[in-house]
Amino acid sequence: MTFQYNLAAKEHDVMIKNSVSRRIGELRLNQAWLSRKTGIRKATIWELYNDMAKGISFAHMDAICKALNCDVSDLFEYVPDEDPQQPET
């Protein structure tokens, strides 16, 4: 049995742009440092860094923002779905 992950569908469904990896790079830090500084598991940091996380807790957002000295809006951005099929409200 072969499992295939449809990345195109994932990207289409996600309306939050994750910039954690960009911010870590700007500060010339690494994932291990962020994990140690925040107490967040390395695997969780890896998922965020590689834009594979399906969600994030407020506690983790708070810890990451404190460690990277930034605001939530520096790490996450809402990108509206441009689907013309959606009804207007």
C-alpha atoms as a PDB file:
ATOM      1  CA  MET A   1       0.000   0.000   0.000  1.00  0.00           C
ATOM      2  CA  THR A   2       1.407   3.403  -0.985  1.00  0.00           C
ATOM      3  CA  PHE A   3       0.473   6.627   0.735  1.00  0.00           C
ATOM      4  CA  GLN A   4       0.762   9.908  -1.137  1.00  0.00           C
ATOM      5  CA  TYR A   5       0.349  13.303   0.466  1.00  0.00           C
ATOM      6  CA  ASN A   6      -1.279  15.938  -1.724  1.00  0.00           C
ATOM      7  CA  LEU A   7       0.745  19.085  -1.013  1.00  0.00           C
ATOM      8  CA  ALA A   8      -1.300  21.190  -3.428  1.00  0.00           C
ATOM      9  CA  ALA A   9      -4.453  20.524  -1.417  1.00  0.00           C
ATOM     10  CA  LYS A  10      -2.667  21.356   1.837  1.00  0.00           C
ATOM     11  CA  GLU A  11      -1.444  24.700   0.538  1.00  0.00           C
ATOM     12  CA  HIS A  12      -4.873  25.588  -0.815  1.00  0.00           C
ATOM     13  CA  ASP A  13      -6.653  24.818   2.461  1.00  0.00           C
ATOM     14  CA  VAL A  14      -4.258  26.786   4.677  1.00  0.00           C
ATOM     15  CA  MET A  15      -5.033  30.483   5.042  1.00  0.00           C
ATOM     16  CA  ILE A  16      -2.377  31.296   7.651  1.00  0.00           C
ATOM     17  CA  LYS A  17       1.133  32.031   6.376  1.00  0.00           C
ATOM     18  CA  ASN A  18       3.814  30.847   8.804  1.00  0.00           C
ATOM     19  CA  SER A  19       7.045  32.907   8.914  1.00  0.00           C
ATOM     20  CA  VAL A  20       8.757  31.229  11.874  1.00  0.00           C
ATOM     21  CA  SER A  21      11.641  29.942   9.741  1.00  0.00           C
ATOM     22  CA  ARG A  22      12.204  33.397   8.227  1.00  0.00           C
ATOM     23  CA  ARG A  23      12.335  35.025  11.661  1.00  0.00           C
ATOM     24  CA  ILE A  24      14.749  32.396  13.033  1.00  0.00           C
ATOM     25  CA  GLY A  25      16.978  32.936   9.980  1.00  0.00           C
ATOM     26  CA  GLU A  26      16.901  36.728  10.308  1.00  0.00           C
ATOM     27  CA  LEU A  27      18.202  36.420  13.851  1.00  0.00           C
ATOM     28  CA  ARG A  28      20.780  33.800  12.799  1.00  0.00           C
ATOM     29  CA  LEU A  29      19.440  31.336  15.331  1.00  0.00           C
ATOM     30  CA  ASN A  30      18.487  27.688  14.915  1.00  0.00           C
ATOM     31  CA  GLN A  31      15.677  25.323  15.831  1.00  0.00           C
ATOM     32  CA  ALA A  32      17.598  23.724  18.724  1.00  0.00           C
ATOM     33  CA  TRP A  33      18.171  27.126  20.323  1.00  0.00           C
ATOM     34  CA  LEU A  34      14.477  27.994  20.039  1.00  0.00           C
ATOM     35  CA  SER A  35      13.499  24.644  21.533  1.00  0.00           C
ATOM     36  CA  ARG A  36      15.840  25.134  24.503  1.00  0.00           C
ATOM     37  CA  LYS A  37      14.777  28.763  25.034  1.00  0.00           C
ATOM     38  CA  THR A  38      11.031  28.027  24.905  1.00  0.00           C
ATOM     39  CA  GLY A  39      10.832  24.503  26.299  1.00  0.00           C
ATOM     40  CA  ILE A  40       8.880  23.452  23.206  1.00  0.00           C
ATOM     41  CA  ARG A  41       9.716  19.993  21.838  1.00  0.00           C
ATOM     42  CA  LYS A  42      12.223  19.931  18.966  1.00  0.00           C
ATOM     43  CA  ALA A  43       9.713  18.033  16.829  1.00  0.00           C
ATOM     44  CA  THR A  44       7.132  20.793  17.309  1.00  0.00           C
ATOM     45  CA  ILE A  45       9.669  23.488  16.403  1.00  0.00           C
ATOM     46  CA  TRP A  46      10.661  21.424  13.336  1.00  0.00           C
ATOM     47  CA  GLU A  47       7.006  21.229  12.218  1.00  0.00           C
ATOM     48  CA  LEU A  48       6.598  24.998  12.576  1.00  0.00           C
ATOM     49  CA  TYR A  49       9.924  25.717  10.877  1.00  0.00           C
ATOM     50  CA  ASN A  50       9.049  23.486   7.923  1.00  0.00           C
ATOM     51  CA  ASP A  51       5.451  24.748   7.737  1.00  0.00           C
ATOM     52  CA  MET A  52       4.066  21.292   8.510  1.00  0.00           C
ATOM     53  CA  ALA A  53       2.223  22.149  11.750  1.00  0.00           C
ATOM     54  CA  LYS A  54      -1.539  21.871  11.641  1.00  0.00           C
ATOM     55  CA  GLY A  55      -1.944  24.301  14.536  1.00  0.00           C
ATOM     56  CA  ILE A  56      -0.225  26.020  17.439  1.00  0.00           C
ATOM     57  CA  SER A  57      -1.287  26.743  21.006  1.00  0.00           C
ATOM     58  CA  PHE A  58      -1.452  30.245  22.428  1.00  0.00           C
ATOM     59  CA  ALA A  59       1.127  29.207  25.033  1.00  0.00           C
ATOM     60  CA  HIS A  60       3.561  28.190  22.283  1.00  0.00           C
ATOM     61  CA  MET A  61       2.922  31.410  20.341  1.00  0.00           C
ATOM     62  CA  ASP A  62       3.594  33.404  23.493  1.00  0.00           C
ATOM     63  CA  ALA A  63       6.831  31.530  24.258  1.00  0.00           C
ATOM     64  CA  ILE A  64       8.112  31.859  20.678  1.00  0.00           C
ATOM     65  CA  CYS A  65       7.285  35.571  20.506  1.00  0.00           C
ATOM     66  CA  LYS A  66       9.124  36.176  23.796  1.00  0.00           C
ATOM     67  CA  ALA A  67      12.166  34.175  22.682  1.00  0.00           C
ATOM     68  CA  LEU A  68      12.356  35.860  19.260  1.00  0.00           C
ATOM     69  CA  ASN A  69      11.423  39.287  20.647  1.00  0.00           C
ATOM     70  CA  CYS A  70       8.603  39.794  18.171  1.00  0.00           C
ATOM     71  CA  ASP A  71       4.852  40.075  17.791  1.00  0.00           C
ATOM     72  CA  VAL A  72       2.488  37.319  16.640  1.00  0.00           C
ATOM     73  CA  SER A  73       1.974  39.263  13.387  1.00  0.00           C
ATOM     74  CA  ASP A  74       5.712  38.896  12.684  1.00  0.00           C
ATOM     75  CA  LEU A  75       5.303  35.119  12.659  1.00  0.00           C
ATOM     76  CA  PHE A  76       1.829  34.494  11.274  1.00  0.00           C
ATOM     77  CA  GLU A  77      -0.177  36.254   8.592  1.00  0.00           C
ATOM     78  CA  TYR A  78      -3.757  35.707   7.484  1.00  0.00           C
ATOM     79  CA  VAL A  79      -3.977  35.200   3.738  1.00  0.00           C
ATOM     80  CA  PRO A  80      -7.598  35.194   2.521  1.00  0.00           C
ATOM     81  CA  ASP A  81      -8.683  32.385   0.245  1.00  0.00           C
ATOM     82  CA  GLU A  82      -9.256  33.783  -3.220  1.00  0.00           C
ATOM     83  CA  ASP A  83     -11.959  31.253  -4.029  1.00  0.00           C
ATOM     84  CA  PRO A  84     -14.599  33.032  -6.137  1.00  0.00           C
ATOM     85  CA  GLN A  85     -17.092  30.311  -5.161  1.00  0.00           C
ATOM     86  CA  GLN A  86     -17.391  31.630  -1.596  1.00  0.00           C
ATOM     87  CA  PRO A  87     -20.565  33.617  -0.906  1.00  0.00           C
ATOM     88  CA  GLU A  88     -20.102  37.206   0.221  1.00  0.00           C
ATOM     89  CA  THR A  89     -21.313  38.061   3.718  1.00  0.00           C
END
